[in-house]
Amino acid sequence: MKNAITDIPKIMEIDREFHINIARAAHNNLLYSMVFYLNDLLKENLWTNMKEKSWSIPGCPQKYLEEHIAIFNAIKNKDSKDARKRMYDHLAGVEKDLLSEADRFVKSKKWVVGGEWVAWKFMGIDLHDKTLGVIGAGRIGSDMLTQVSK
């Protein structure tokens, strides 16, 4: 995981494997099934995009790596209370990161539709004075062209 820290898709896959392996090691079929299902769900585009955004926050990959190491060490040391607490804290932090990303997405859509877009409030690239290529003029492409032509 340490070697993949700048390769977001790779680190996301390693993250999924980490959680699956812990669930498998617990010898709890219900837990394993839930984690397997959730990991499958997290491969969907919406979740992948949100996770990529949250993993792109400076310091986030390092924070998750440190949390994973602490969880692994607690398990290795057979300290179930510490492992449980560290995993709970880790998952609560991941949930907070994902929900804040979802909140940012909802707000950004509202601001774009309302014509109140403020680029610095979001992670992204300022397109002012840039050339933008739009492939397809369907609903999304048309909306994009409408917004950037203002």
Protein backbone atom coordinates (compact mmCIF):
# COMPACT_ATOMS: atom_id res chain seq x y z
CA MET A 1 0.00 0.00 0.00
CA LYS A 2 2.86 2.35 0.82
CA ASN A 3 4.25 1.98 -2.73
CA ALA A 4 0.88 2.73 -4.35
CA ILE A 5 0.13 5.86 -2.30
CA THR A 6 0.09 8.16 -5.37
CA ASP A 7 -1.76 5.72 -7.68
CA ILE A 8 -5.36 6.35 -6.55
CA PRO A 9 -7.08 3.48 -8.47
CA LYS A 10 -4.39 1.03 -7.26
CA ILE A 11 -4.59 2.18 -3.65
CA MET A 12 -8.40 1.94 -3.77
CA GLU A 13 -8.10 -1.69 -4.88
CA ILE A 14 -5.56 -2.43 -2.12
CA ASP A 15 -7.94 -0.76 0.36
CA ARG A 16 -10.80 -3.04 -0.76
CA GLU A 17 -8.55 -6.11 -0.45
CA PHE A 18 -7.46 -5.05 3.05
CA HIS A 19 -11.04 -4.86 4.29
CA ILE A 20 -12.06 -8.12 2.55
CA ASN A 21 -9.07 -9.95 4.06
CA ILE A 22 -9.88 -8.73 7.56
CA ALA A 23 -13.49 -9.86 7.16
CA ARG A 24 -12.29 -13.23 5.82
CA ALA A 25 -9.85 -13.64 8.73
CA ALA A 26 -12.67 -13.00 11.21
CA HIS A 27 -14.29 -16.30 10.08
CA ASN A 28 -17.66 -14.56 10.21
CA ASN A 29 -19.66 -15.41 7.07
CA LEU A 30 -22.17 -12.59 7.59
CA LEU A 31 -19.42 -9.98 8.03
CA TYR A 32 -17.53 -11.33 5.02
CA SER A 33 -20.68 -11.27 2.85
CA MET A 34 -21.48 -7.70 3.89
CA VAL A 35 -17.95 -6.43 3.26
CA PHE A 36 -17.80 -8.28 -0.06
CA TYR A 37 -21.15 -6.76 -1.11
CA LEU A 38 -20.14 -3.25 0.01
CA ASN A 39 -16.82 -3.51 -1.82
CA ASP A 40 -18.68 -4.54 -4.95
CA LEU A 41 -21.02 -1.58 -4.51
CA LEU A 42 -18.07 0.78 -3.99
CA LYS A 43 -16.87 -0.10 -7.50
CA GLU A 44 -19.90 1.70 -8.99
CA ASN A 45 -19.11 4.99 -10.77
CA LEU A 46 -20.70 7.34 -8.23
CA TRP A 47 -18.82 5.80 -5.29
CA THR A 48 -15.62 5.46 -7.27
CA ASN A 49 -15.73 9.16 -8.18
CA MET A 50 -16.42 10.21 -4.59
CA LYS A 51 -13.68 7.94 -3.22
CA GLU A 52 -11.21 9.22 -5.82
CA LYS A 53 -12.02 12.79 -4.73
CA SER A 54 -11.63 11.96 -1.04
CA TRP A 55 -8.41 9.98 -1.67
CA SER A 56 -7.10 13.03 -3.58
CA ILE A 57 -7.35 15.27 -0.51
CA PRO A 58 -3.77 16.01 0.60
CA GLY A 59 -2.80 13.72 3.48
CA CYS A 60 -5.81 11.41 3.09
CA PRO A 61 -3.96 8.38 1.63
CA GLN A 62 -1.30 8.67 4.34
CA LYS A 63 -3.98 8.92 7.05
CA TYR A 64 -5.75 5.80 5.76
CA LEU A 65 -2.43 3.95 5.48
CA GLU A 66 -1.55 4.79 9.08
CA GLU A 67 -5.01 3.68 10.23
CA HIS A 68 -4.67 0.40 8.31
CA ILE A 69 -1.26 -0.26 9.85
CA ALA A 70 -2.65 0.42 13.35
CA ILE A 71 -5.60 -1.93 12.71
CA PHE A 72 -3.30 -4.62 11.35
CA ASN A 73 -0.92 -4.30 14.32
CA ALA A 74 -3.80 -4.53 16.81
CA ILE A 75 -5.01 -7.72 15.09
CA LYS A 76 -1.46 -9.10 14.95
CA ASN A 77 -1.07 -8.40 18.67
CA LYS A 78 -4.42 -10.14 19.35
CA ASP A 79 -5.79 -6.98 20.95
CA SER A 80 -9.42 -7.27 19.90
CA LYS A 81 -10.58 -4.19 21.83
CA ASP A 82 -7.97 -1.98 20.21
CA ALA A 83 -8.60 -3.50 16.76
CA ARG A 84 -12.35 -2.97 17.12
CA LYS A 85 -11.90 0.65 18.26
CA ARG A 86 -9.39 1.45 15.52
CA MET A 87 -11.59 -0.12 12.83
CA TYR A 88 -14.64 1.75 14.12
CA ASP A 89 -12.73 5.05 14.12
CA HIS A 90 -11.36 4.32 10.64
CA LEU A 91 -14.77 3.50 9.17
CA ALA A 92 -16.37 6.52 10.86
CA GLY A 93 -13.67 8.73 9.32
CA VAL A 94 -14.15 7.17 5.87
CA GLU A 95 -17.92 7.68 6.18
CA LYS A 96 -17.36 11.33 7.14
CA ASP A 97 -15.01 11.83 4.18
CA LEU A 98 -17.44 10.22 1.71
CA LEU A 99 -20.48 12.06 3.04
CA SER A 100 -18.66 15.38 2.95
CA GLU A 101 -17.77 14.61 -0.67
CA ALA A 102 -21.43 13.76 -1.39
CA ASP A 103 -22.50 16.99 0.30
CA ARG A 104 -20.00 18.92 -1.81
CA PHE A 105 -21.43 17.25 -4.94
CA VAL A 106 -25.03 18.19 -4.04
CA LYS A 107 -24.04 21.78 -3.23
CA SER A 108 -22.00 22.11 -6.41
CA LYS A 109 -24.96 20.97 -8.53
CA LYS A 110 -27.26 23.44 -6.76
CA TRP A 111 -24.77 26.27 -7.29
CA VAL A 112 -24.16 25.39 -10.93
CA VAL A 113 -27.91 25.24 -11.67
CA GLY A 114 -28.45 28.49 -9.76
CA GLY A 115 -25.57 30.19 -11.58
CA GLU A 116 -23.65 30.68 -8.33
CA TRP A 117 -20.62 28.47 -9.05
CA VAL A 118 -17.51 29.40 -7.04
CA ALA A 119 -14.57 27.31 -8.28
CA TRP A 120 -12.36 27.64 -5.20
CA LYS A 121 -14.96 25.90 -3.02
CA PHE A 122 -14.45 22.64 -4.88
CA MET A 123 -11.60 20.38 -5.82
CA GLY A 124 -11.23 20.69 -9.55
CA ILE A 125 -9.73 22.68 -12.35
CA ASP A 126 -10.67 26.26 -13.12
CA LEU A 127 -11.69 26.30 -16.79
CA HIS A 128 -11.58 30.08 -17.14
CA ASP A 129 -9.55 31.01 -20.25
CA LYS A 130 -9.12 27.31 -21.09
CA THR A 131 -10.25 25.32 -24.13
CA LEU A 132 -12.93 22.79 -23.25
CA GLY A 133 -13.82 19.89 -25.50
CA VAL A 134 -17.26 18.36 -25.02
CA ILE A 135 -17.96 15.01 -26.61
CA GLY A 136 -21.67 14.59 -27.31
CA ALA A 137 -24.40 17.17 -27.10
CA GLY A 138 -26.89 15.16 -25.07
CA ARG A 139 -28.41 16.46 -21.85
CA ILE A 140 -25.15 16.57 -19.89
CA GLY A 141 -23.05 17.93 -22.77
CA SER A 142 -25.67 20.60 -23.50
CA ASP A 143 -25.86 21.58 -19.83
CA MET A 144 -22.08 21.81 -19.69
CA LEU A 145 -21.98 24.04 -22.78
CA THR A 146 -24.71 26.26 -21.35
CA GLN A 147 -22.81 26.70 -18.09
CA VAL A 148 -19.42 27.43 -19.63
CA SER A 149 -20.80 29.85 -22.23
CA LYS A 150 -22.08 32.26 -19.53
